[in-house]
Each structure stands twice: as structure tokens, then as C-alpha cells.
Amino acid sequence: MTRKQRRMTIIGGSLAVLALAAALVLNALRDSIVFFSTPTMVAEKHVQAGKRFRLGGLVQPGSLQRGDNLAVSFEVADGNAKLPVAYKGILPDLFREGQGVVAEGALDANGVFKADTVLAKHDETYMPKDVADALKKQGHWKDDYGGKASDGAKPAATTAQGNPQGAVR
């Protein structure tokens, strides 16, 4: 074998080993690549009790119940399915009913998602295209998702004389 053939064989073998390693890693992580699973995805996949994952969706209005020692329970829904969530701890300031939430934890034997971390989503304006398409398909799309910041802006405060505060004469 010439020097050039030996070098090409080594390079080709290295690329094959690298491609095999990348395929094995991606195969092992295929379920973990998703940022969060919706209640519908959880029902379809039949997630086993005790398996950790992230659950995302909207907090159902009227489902929030506060208990003793910072215990709270609420339901997370995605339009098709809903899943009860139990959490013990301090909720984020932006957490409220009807708001987007991502909770990290595991299902228990009763089908209740036991969360150990709850993150409130502060803004629905910026979202992946596939999430926006799913919301449109389910009929949960709000026209103001793409609206400007000034659409919901409050009017400027005025003084007793009717002039805007901070206005220079």
C-alpha cells in the first residue's frame, strides 16, 4: 500500500467510527431531545411511573388548589388532554391559571405528575413554528401572539392638568 492509500484508509475508517458513534448517541437521546412533553404526548407514549421528564402546557383555570406547607396542585392541559400536577415549594411569581408552565418531575402510580421544579413561561409571543401550528390546529391560537408591544400598552400617566408626566413645556 502506498502512503496516500494508507492515509485515505485511516481517514475513511475514522469517519466511519465517528458516524457510528454519532448514530448511537442520537439513538440513545431521541426521547430526551424534546424540550418538554405535552399531556397528549404523555398519554400517547404511555409513560411509565417513575420516569423523569418535562411536562409543558397551560394551567387549567379553576384547577389551582393550595394546601399546607407550600403544597399546591393544578392541572396542565394542551387542548386535548390534561394531567394533574402536585408540587411542594414556592411557585414562580409569573405562575397563574391560564398561563404556560413547564414542570419537571415524574408520574406516580396514580397518574399524578409529581413535580420538583415548576417554571412559568412569561411570554407566549415567541414560540417554535411547530408549537404555533399545533395551537392553530387545535383552535387555541390567539391573534395577539404576533401583535406589537404597543397593542396592549397602557396609556401614559397624566398630571391633574391633563399633561403627560415628564412632558417638557
N, C-alpha and C. Protein backbone atom coordinates (compact mmCIF):
# COMPACT_ATOMS: atom_id res chain seq x y z
N MET A 1 0.84 -1.18 0.00
CA MET A 1 0.00 0.00 0.00
C MET A 1 0.88 1.24 0.00
N THR A 2 0.48 2.19 -0.79
CA THR A 2 1.25 3.42 -0.82
C THR A 2 0.86 4.29 0.37
N ARG A 3 1.66 5.28 0.56
CA ARG A 3 1.43 6.19 1.69
C ARG A 3 0.08 6.89 1.58
N LYS A 4 -0.29 7.31 0.37
CA LYS A 4 -1.55 8.00 0.14
C LYS A 4 -2.74 7.06 0.41
N GLN A 5 -2.66 5.83 -0.03
CA GLN A 5 -3.74 4.87 0.21
C GLN A 5 -3.91 4.57 1.69
N ARG A 6 -2.79 4.45 2.40
CA ARG A 6 -2.86 4.20 3.84
C ARG A 6 -3.52 5.38 4.56
N ARG A 7 -3.18 6.59 4.19
CA ARG A 7 -3.76 7.78 4.80
C ARG A 7 -5.27 7.86 4.52
N MET A 8 -5.67 7.57 3.29
CA MET A 8 -7.10 7.59 2.94
C MET A 8 -7.87 6.49 3.68
N THR A 9 -7.26 5.35 3.89
CA THR A 9 -7.89 4.26 4.64
C THR A 9 -8.10 4.67 6.09
N ILE A 10 -7.12 5.30 6.68
CA ILE A 10 -7.23 5.76 8.08
C ILE A 10 -8.31 6.84 8.20
N ILE A 11 -8.33 7.78 7.27
CA ILE A 11 -9.33 8.85 7.31
C ILE A 11 -10.72 8.26 7.12
N GLY A 12 -10.90 7.35 6.17
CA GLY A 12 -12.19 6.71 5.93
C GLY A 12 -12.66 5.91 7.13
N GLY A 13 -11.76 5.16 7.75
CA GLY A 13 -12.10 4.39 8.94
C GLY A 13 -12.49 5.29 10.10
N SER A 14 -11.76 6.39 10.27
CA SER A 14 -12.08 7.34 11.34
C SER A 14 -13.46 7.96 11.14
N LEU A 15 -13.78 8.33 9.91
CA LEU A 15 -15.10 8.91 9.63
C LEU A 15 -16.21 7.89 9.89
N ALA A 16 -15.98 6.63 9.54
CA ALA A 16 -16.98 5.60 9.78
C ALA A 16 -17.21 5.40 11.28
N VAL A 17 -16.14 5.38 12.08
CA VAL A 17 -16.26 5.23 13.52
C VAL A 17 -16.99 6.44 14.11
N LEU A 18 -16.67 7.64 13.65
CA LEU A 18 -17.32 8.86 14.13
C LEU A 18 -18.81 8.85 13.79
N ALA A 19 -19.18 8.43 12.59
CA ALA A 19 -20.58 8.37 12.18
C ALA A 19 -21.34 7.34 13.04
N LEU A 20 -20.72 6.21 13.32
CA LEU A 20 -21.34 5.18 14.15
C LEU A 20 -21.57 5.70 15.57
N ALA A 21 -20.58 6.40 16.12
CA ALA A 21 -20.70 6.95 17.48
C ALA A 21 -21.82 8.00 17.53
N ALA A 22 -21.89 8.87 16.52
CA ALA A 22 -22.95 9.89 16.49
C ALA A 22 -24.32 9.24 16.39
N ALA A 23 -24.46 8.19 15.58
CA ALA A 23 -25.74 7.50 15.44
C ALA A 23 -26.15 6.85 16.76
N LEU A 24 -25.21 6.25 17.48
CA LEU A 24 -25.52 5.62 18.76
C LEU A 24 -25.96 6.65 19.80
N VAL A 25 -25.29 7.79 19.85
CA VAL A 25 -25.65 8.85 20.80
C VAL A 25 -27.04 9.41 20.49
N LEU A 26 -27.31 9.70 19.22
CA LEU A 26 -28.62 10.25 18.85
C LEU A 26 -29.73 9.24 19.11
N ASN A 27 -29.47 7.98 18.88
CA ASN A 27 -30.47 6.94 19.15
C ASN A 27 -30.77 6.86 20.66
N ALA A 28 -29.75 6.96 21.47
CA ALA A 28 -29.94 6.89 22.93
C ALA A 28 -30.69 8.11 23.46
N LEU A 29 -30.53 9.26 22.81
CA LEU A 29 -31.13 10.50 23.30
C LEU A 29 -32.40 10.91 22.57
N ARG A 30 -32.94 10.06 21.72
CA ARG A 30 -34.06 10.50 20.87
C ARG A 30 -35.28 10.95 21.67
N ASP A 31 -35.57 10.36 22.83
CA ASP A 31 -36.71 10.81 23.64
C ASP A 31 -36.36 12.00 24.51
N SER A 32 -35.09 12.23 24.76
CA SER A 32 -34.66 13.31 25.64
C SER A 32 -34.43 14.62 24.91
N ILE A 33 -34.43 14.61 23.60
CA ILE A 33 -34.14 15.80 22.83
C ILE A 33 -35.29 16.80 22.91
N VAL A 34 -36.50 16.35 23.13
CA VAL A 34 -37.67 17.22 23.22
C VAL A 34 -37.54 18.09 24.47
N PHE A 35 -37.88 19.38 24.35
CA PHE A 35 -37.79 20.29 25.48
C PHE A 35 -38.79 19.93 26.57
N PHE A 36 -40.00 19.54 26.16
CA PHE A 36 -40.99 19.07 27.11
C PHE A 36 -42.03 18.25 26.37
N SER A 37 -42.77 17.45 27.12
CA SER A 37 -43.86 16.65 26.55
C SER A 37 -45.18 17.27 26.99
N THR A 38 -46.16 17.25 26.10
CA THR A 38 -47.49 17.74 26.45
C THR A 38 -48.30 16.60 27.06
N PRO A 39 -49.43 16.91 27.73
CA PRO A 39 -50.26 15.84 28.28
C PRO A 39 -50.72 14.83 27.21
N THR A 40 -50.98 15.28 26.00
CA THR A 40 -51.36 14.36 24.93
C THR A 40 -50.22 13.41 24.60
N MET A 41 -48.99 13.93 24.53
CA MET A 41 -47.82 13.09 24.24
C MET A 41 -47.61 12.07 25.35
N VAL A 42 -47.85 12.47 26.60
CA VAL A 42 -47.69 11.56 27.74
C VAL A 42 -48.69 10.42 27.63
N ALA A 43 -49.95 10.75 27.26
CA ALA A 43 -50.97 9.72 27.13
C ALA A 43 -50.67 8.78 25.96
N GLU A 44 -50.18 9.33 24.85
CA GLU A 44 -49.88 8.50 23.68
C GLU A 44 -48.69 7.59 23.91
N LYS A 45 -47.69 8.08 24.62
CA LYS A 45 -46.46 7.29 24.84
C LYS A 45 -46.61 6.30 26.00
N HIS A 46 -47.66 6.43 26.79
CA HIS A 46 -47.85 5.58 27.97
C HIS A 46 -46.59 5.59 28.84
N VAL A 47 -46.23 6.78 29.30
CA VAL A 47 -45.01 6.97 30.10
C VAL A 47 -45.12 6.16 31.40
N GLN A 48 -44.08 5.44 31.72
CA GLN A 48 -44.04 4.60 32.92
C GLN A 48 -43.93 5.47 34.17
N ALA A 49 -44.53 5.01 35.26
CA ALA A 49 -44.43 5.71 36.53
C ALA A 49 -42.97 5.72 36.98
N GLY A 50 -42.51 6.86 37.46
CA GLY A 50 -41.14 6.99 37.95
C GLY A 50 -40.16 7.52 36.92
N LYS A 51 -40.52 7.55 35.63
CA LYS A 51 -39.62 8.06 34.60
C LYS A 51 -39.66 9.58 34.59
N ARG A 52 -38.51 10.22 34.72
CA ARG A 52 -38.44 11.68 34.76
C ARG A 52 -38.56 12.28 33.36
N PHE A 53 -39.32 13.37 33.28
CA PHE A 53 -39.45 14.11 32.04
C PHE A 53 -40.00 15.50 32.36
N ARG A 54 -40.06 16.33 31.35
CA ARG A 54 -40.63 17.68 31.50
C ARG A 54 -42.02 17.69 30.89
N LEU A 55 -42.94 18.29 31.61
CA LEU A 55 -44.32 18.40 31.18
C LEU A 55 -44.63 19.87 30.91
N GLY A 56 -45.18 20.16 29.74
CA GLY A 56 -45.49 21.54 29.39
C GLY A 56 -46.92 21.68 28.93
N GLY A 57 -47.50 22.83 29.18
CA GLY A 57 -48.86 23.12 28.75
C GLY A 57 -49.38 24.35 29.46
N LEU A 58 -50.69 24.50 29.47
CA LEU A 58 -51.33 25.64 30.12
C LEU A 58 -51.98 25.19 31.42
N VAL A 59 -51.86 26.01 32.46
CA VAL A 59 -52.50 25.71 33.74
C VAL A 59 -54.00 25.94 33.55
N GLN A 60 -54.79 24.89 33.81
CA GLN A 60 -56.24 24.98 33.65
C GLN A 60 -56.84 26.01 34.61
N PRO A 61 -57.66 26.93 34.12
CA PRO A 61 -58.35 27.86 35.02
C PRO A 61 -59.26 27.11 35.99
N GLY A 62 -59.20 27.50 37.26
CA GLY A 62 -60.03 26.90 38.30
C GLY A 62 -59.45 25.62 38.89
N SER A 63 -58.28 25.20 38.45
CA SER A 63 -57.72 23.94 38.94
C SER A 63 -56.69 24.12 40.06
N LEU A 64 -56.24 25.34 40.28
CA LEU A 64 -55.20 25.59 41.28
C LEU A 64 -55.76 25.46 42.70
N GLN A 65 -55.15 24.56 43.48
CA GLN A 65 -55.55 24.37 44.87
C GLN A 65 -54.30 24.41 45.74
N ARG A 66 -54.34 25.26 46.75
CA ARG A 66 -53.21 25.39 47.66
C ARG A 66 -53.48 24.59 48.92
N GLY A 67 -52.45 23.87 49.41
CA GLY A 67 -52.56 23.07 50.62
C GLY A 67 -51.62 23.58 51.69
N ASP A 68 -51.36 22.75 52.68
CA ASP A 68 -50.46 23.10 53.77
C ASP A 68 -49.01 22.96 53.36
N ASN A 69 -48.13 23.71 54.00
CA ASN A 69 -46.68 23.63 53.80
C ASN A 69 -46.27 23.80 52.35
N LEU A 70 -46.80 24.82 51.67
CA LEU A 70 -46.46 25.16 50.29
C LEU A 70 -46.86 24.11 49.27
N ALA A 71 -47.73 23.20 49.62
CA ALA A 71 -48.20 22.18 48.67
C ALA A 71 -49.27 22.79 47.77
N VAL A 72 -49.14 22.57 46.48
CA VAL A 72 -50.13 23.04 45.51
C VAL A 72 -50.43 21.91 44.53
N SER A 73 -51.62 21.95 43.98
CA SER A 73 -51.97 21.02 42.91
C SER A 73 -52.73 21.81 41.86
N PHE A 74 -52.55 21.40 40.62
CA PHE A 74 -53.20 22.06 39.49
C PHE A 74 -53.20 21.09 38.32
N GLU A 75 -53.90 21.45 37.26
CA GLU A 75 -53.94 20.62 36.07
C GLU A 75 -53.26 21.36 34.93
N VAL A 76 -52.49 20.61 34.15
CA VAL A 76 -51.84 21.14 32.96
C VAL A 76 -52.55 20.52 31.76
N ALA A 77 -52.94 21.36 30.80
CA ALA A 77 -53.67 20.90 29.62
C ALA A 77 -53.02 21.43 28.35
N ASP A 78 -53.29 20.74 27.25
CA ASP A 78 -52.80 21.19 25.95
C ASP A 78 -53.91 21.32 24.93
N GLY A 79 -55.15 21.26 25.38
CA GLY A 79 -56.28 21.36 24.47
C GLY A 79 -56.95 20.02 24.23
N ASN A 80 -56.19 18.94 24.23
CA ASN A 80 -56.76 17.61 24.01
C ASN A 80 -56.82 16.79 25.29
N ALA A 81 -55.81 16.90 26.11
CA ALA A 81 -55.72 16.10 27.34
C ALA A 81 -55.25 16.99 28.47
N LYS A 82 -55.50 16.54 29.70
CA LYS A 82 -54.99 17.26 30.86
C LYS A 82 -54.42 16.26 31.84
N LEU A 83 -53.49 16.75 32.65
CA LEU A 83 -52.78 15.89 33.58
C LEU A 83 -52.68 16.61 34.92
N PRO A 84 -53.06 15.95 36.03
CA PRO A 84 -52.94 16.59 37.34
C PRO A 84 -51.47 16.66 37.77
N VAL A 85 -51.12 17.78 38.40
CA VAL A 85 -49.75 18.02 38.85
C VAL A 85 -49.78 18.34 40.33
N ALA A 86 -48.85 17.75 41.08
CA ALA A 86 -48.68 18.07 42.51
C ALA A 86 -47.27 18.62 42.69
N TYR A 87 -47.16 19.70 43.46
CA TYR A 87 -45.87 20.35 43.66
C TYR A 87 -45.80 20.86 45.08
N LYS A 88 -44.63 20.77 45.67
CA LYS A 88 -44.43 21.31 47.01
C LYS A 88 -43.24 22.25 46.95
N GLY A 89 -43.51 23.52 47.14
CA GLY A 89 -42.47 24.52 47.07
C GLY A 89 -43.05 25.87 46.70
N ILE A 90 -42.17 26.83 46.50
CA ILE A 90 -42.58 28.18 46.15
C ILE A 90 -42.75 28.26 44.65
N LEU A 91 -43.91 28.71 44.20
CA LEU A 91 -44.18 28.85 42.78
C LEU A 91 -43.54 30.13 42.25
N PRO A 92 -43.17 30.17 40.98
CA PRO A 92 -42.62 31.39 40.40
C PRO A 92 -43.63 32.53 40.44
N ASP A 93 -43.13 33.75 40.46
CA ASP A 93 -44.01 34.92 40.52
C ASP A 93 -44.97 35.00 39.34
N LEU A 94 -44.55 34.55 38.18
CA LEU A 94 -45.38 34.64 36.98
C LEU A 94 -46.38 33.49 36.85
N PHE A 95 -46.39 32.56 37.79
CA PHE A 95 -47.29 31.42 37.73
C PHE A 95 -48.71 31.88 38.01
N ARG A 96 -49.65 31.49 37.14
CA ARG A 96 -51.07 31.78 37.35
C ARG A 96 -51.89 30.88 36.42
N GLU A 97 -53.18 30.80 36.69
CA GLU A 97 -54.06 29.99 35.86
C GLU A 97 -54.16 30.57 34.46
N GLY A 98 -54.21 29.69 33.47
CA GLY A 98 -54.29 30.13 32.08
C GLY A 98 -52.94 30.46 31.48
N GLN A 99 -51.88 30.38 32.26
CA GLN A 99 -50.53 30.72 31.82
C GLN A 99 -49.77 29.45 31.45
N GLY A 100 -48.81 29.58 30.55
CA GLY A 100 -47.97 28.46 30.17
C GLY A 100 -47.03 28.08 31.30
N VAL A 101 -46.76 26.77 31.44
CA VAL A 101 -45.90 26.28 32.50
C VAL A 101 -45.13 25.06 31.99
N VAL A 102 -43.92 24.89 32.50
CA VAL A 102 -43.12 23.69 32.25
C VAL A 102 -42.72 23.16 33.62
N ALA A 103 -43.09 21.91 33.90
CA ALA A 103 -42.78 21.28 35.19
C ALA A 103 -41.89 20.07 34.95
N GLU A 104 -40.93 19.87 35.83
CA GLU A 104 -40.02 18.74 35.71
C GLU A 104 -40.25 17.80 36.88
N GLY A 105 -40.39 16.52 36.58
CA GLY A 105 -40.64 15.52 37.62
C GLY A 105 -40.96 14.17 37.01
N ALA A 106 -41.84 13.42 37.68
CA ALA A 106 -42.19 12.08 37.22
C ALA A 106 -43.63 11.76 37.60
N LEU A 107 -44.23 10.83 36.86
CA LEU A 107 -45.57 10.36 37.19
C LEU A 107 -45.50 9.40 38.36
N ASP A 108 -46.53 9.43 39.23
CA ASP A 108 -46.60 8.43 40.29
C ASP A 108 -47.53 7.30 39.84
N ALA A 109 -47.76 6.32 40.70
CA ALA A 109 -48.57 5.15 40.34
C ALA A 109 -50.03 5.52 40.07
N ASN A 110 -50.51 6.65 40.61
CA ASN A 110 -51.89 7.08 40.42
C ASN A 110 -52.09 7.94 39.18
N GLY A 111 -51.01 8.21 38.43
CA GLY A 111 -51.11 9.04 37.23
C GLY A 111 -51.01 10.53 37.51
N VAL A 112 -50.58 10.90 38.71
CA VAL A 112 -50.37 12.31 39.06
C VAL A 112 -48.90 12.64 38.82
N PHE A 113 -48.67 13.77 38.14
CA PHE A 113 -47.31 14.20 37.87
C PHE A 113 -46.76 14.89 39.12
N LYS A 114 -45.77 14.30 39.75
CA LYS A 114 -45.12 14.88 40.94
C LYS A 114 -43.97 15.74 40.48
N ALA A 115 -44.14 17.04 40.52
CA ALA A 115 -43.13 17.98 40.04
C ALA A 115 -42.18 18.37 41.15
N ASP A 116 -40.90 18.47 40.81
CA ASP A 116 -39.94 19.01 41.77
C ASP A 116 -39.42 20.37 41.32
N THR A 117 -39.74 20.76 40.09
CA THR A 117 -39.39 22.08 39.57
C THR A 117 -40.55 22.57 38.71
N VAL A 118 -40.95 23.83 38.90
CA VAL A 118 -42.00 24.43 38.09
C VAL A 118 -41.47 25.74 37.53
N LEU A 119 -41.56 25.89 36.22
CA LEU A 119 -41.13 27.10 35.54
C LEU A 119 -42.33 27.74 34.86
N ALA A 120 -42.56 29.01 35.11
CA ALA A 120 -43.65 29.72 34.46
C ALA A 120 -43.12 30.37 33.20
N LYS A 121 -43.86 30.20 32.12
CA LYS A 121 -43.47 30.82 30.86
C LYS A 121 -44.04 32.23 30.85
N HIS A 122 -43.18 33.22 30.64
CA HIS A 122 -43.62 34.61 30.79
C HIS A 122 -44.25 35.19 29.55
N ASP A 123 -44.02 34.62 28.40
CA ASP A 123 -44.50 35.26 27.18
C ASP A 123 -44.79 34.20 26.14
N GLU A 124 -45.94 34.26 25.54
CA GLU A 124 -46.31 33.32 24.50
C GLU A 124 -46.02 33.88 23.11
N THR A 125 -45.41 35.07 23.04
CA THR A 125 -45.17 35.69 21.75
C THR A 125 -44.16 34.91 20.93
N TYR A 126 -43.08 34.49 21.54
CA TYR A 126 -42.02 33.80 20.82
C TYR A 126 -42.14 32.31 21.10
N MET A 127 -42.41 31.54 20.04
CA MET A 127 -42.56 30.10 20.20
C MET A 127 -42.13 29.43 18.90
N PRO A 128 -41.72 28.17 19.00
CA PRO A 128 -41.33 27.46 17.78
C PRO A 128 -42.51 27.36 16.81
N LYS A 129 -42.18 27.29 15.53
CA LYS A 129 -43.21 27.25 14.50
C LYS A 129 -44.13 26.05 14.67
N ASP A 130 -43.58 24.88 15.05
CA ASP A 130 -44.42 23.70 15.18
C ASP A 130 -45.42 23.84 16.35
N VAL A 131 -45.02 24.54 17.42
CA VAL A 131 -45.93 24.78 18.54
C VAL A 131 -47.04 25.73 18.10
N ALA A 132 -46.68 26.79 17.37
CA ALA A 132 -47.68 27.74 16.88
C ALA A 132 -48.66 27.05 15.94
N ASP A 133 -48.15 26.18 15.06
CA ASP A 133 -49.01 25.45 14.13
C ASP A 133 -49.96 24.52 14.89
N ALA A 134 -49.45 23.86 15.96
CA ALA A 134 -50.30 22.96 16.75
C ALA A 134 -51.39 23.74 17.46
N LEU A 135 -51.07 24.93 17.98
CA LEU A 135 -52.09 25.77 18.64
C LEU A 135 -53.15 26.23 17.64
N LYS A 136 -52.72 26.59 16.42
CA LYS A 136 -53.68 27.00 15.40
C LYS A 136 -54.59 25.84 15.03
N LYS A 137 -54.02 24.66 14.89
CA LYS A 137 -54.78 23.47 14.51
C LYS A 137 -55.82 23.11 15.58
N GLN A 138 -55.46 23.29 16.86
CA GLN A 138 -56.37 22.95 17.96
C GLN A 138 -57.36 24.07 18.28
N GLY A 139 -57.19 25.24 17.63
CA GLY A 139 -58.10 26.35 17.87
C GLY A 139 -57.76 27.18 19.09
N HIS A 140 -56.54 27.04 19.63
CA HIS A 140 -56.13 27.80 20.81
C HIS A 140 -55.23 28.98 20.45
N TRP A 141 -55.13 29.31 19.20
CA TRP A 141 -54.25 30.39 18.77
C TRP A 141 -54.91 31.72 19.08
N LYS A 142 -54.14 32.63 19.70
CA LYS A 142 -54.64 33.97 19.99
C LYS A 142 -54.05 34.90 18.95
N ASP A 143 -54.87 35.80 18.42
CA ASP A 143 -54.39 36.71 17.38
C ASP A 143 -53.33 37.65 17.89
N ASP A 144 -53.30 37.92 19.20
CA ASP A 144 -52.33 38.88 19.74
C ASP A 144 -50.96 38.25 19.98
N TYR A 145 -50.76 36.95 19.66
CA TYR A 145 -49.43 36.34 19.79
C TYR A 145 -48.42 37.08 18.91
N GLY A 146 -48.86 37.47 17.75
CA GLY A 146 -47.95 38.15 16.83
C GLY A 146 -48.07 39.64 16.91
N GLY A 147 -48.87 40.16 17.85
CA GLY A 147 -49.12 41.59 17.96
C GLY A 147 -47.91 42.36 18.45
N LYS A 148 -47.98 43.67 18.29
CA LYS A 148 -46.90 44.54 18.74
C LYS A 148 -47.03 44.80 20.23
N ALA A 149 -45.94 45.21 20.84
CA ALA A 149 -45.94 45.51 22.28
C ALA A 149 -46.86 46.67 22.59
N SER A 150 -47.04 47.60 21.63
CA SER A 150 -47.85 48.78 21.88
C SER A 150 -49.34 48.47 21.86
N ASP A 151 -49.73 47.28 21.33
CA ASP A 151 -51.15 46.95 21.27
C ASP A 151 -51.78 46.90 22.65
N GLY A 152 -51.07 46.34 23.61
CA GLY A 152 -51.63 46.21 24.95
C GLY A 152 -51.05 47.22 25.91
N ALA A 153 -50.38 48.22 25.40
CA ALA A 153 -49.73 49.19 26.27
C ALA A 153 -50.76 50.05 26.98
N LYS A 154 -50.45 50.39 28.21
CA LYS A 154 -51.33 51.26 28.98
C LYS A 154 -51.10 52.70 28.55
N PRO A 155 -52.13 53.52 28.64
CA PRO A 155 -51.93 54.93 28.30
C PRO A 155 -50.98 55.58 29.30
N ALA A 156 -50.27 56.59 28.83
CA ALA A 156 -49.30 57.28 29.68
C ALA A 156 -50.01 57.98 30.83
N ALA A 157 -49.35 58.01 31.98
CA ALA A 157 -49.92 58.69 33.14
C ALA A 157 -49.94 60.19 32.88
N THR A 158 -50.97 60.85 33.39
CA THR A 158 -51.09 62.29 33.17
C THR A 158 -51.19 63.00 34.51
N THR A 159 -50.87 64.28 34.51
CA THR A 159 -50.97 65.09 35.71
C THR A 159 -52.39 65.59 35.85
N ALA A 160 -52.65 66.31 36.92
CA ALA A 160 -54.00 66.83 37.17
C ALA A 160 -54.43 67.82 36.08
N GLN A 161 -53.46 68.49 35.44
CA GLN A 161 -53.79 69.44 34.38
C GLN A 161 -54.00 68.75 33.04
N GLY A 162 -53.83 67.41 32.97
CA GLY A 162 -54.05 66.71 31.70
C GLY A 162 -52.79 66.57 30.86
N ASN A 163 -51.67 67.05 31.38
CA ASN A 163 -50.43 66.95 30.62
C ASN A 163 -49.73 65.62 30.96
N PRO A 164 -49.08 65.01 30.00
CA PRO A 164 -48.35 63.79 30.31
C PRO A 164 -47.24 64.05 31.30
N GLN A 165 -47.02 63.12 32.24
CA GLN A 165 -45.96 63.28 33.21
C GLN A 165 -44.62 63.29 32.49
N GLY A 166 -43.74 64.15 32.93
CA GLY A 166 -42.41 64.23 32.34
C GLY A 166 -42.36 65.05 31.06
N ALA A 167 -43.50 65.61 30.64
CA ALA A 167 -43.52 66.39 29.40
C ALA A 167 -42.84 67.74 29.65
N VAL A 168 -42.09 68.16 28.68
CA VAL A 168 -41.40 69.44 28.77
C VAL A 168 -42.20 70.47 28.03
N ARG A 169 -42.37 71.65 28.66
CA ARG A 169 -43.12 72.73 28.02
C ARG A 169 -42.23 73.69 27.35
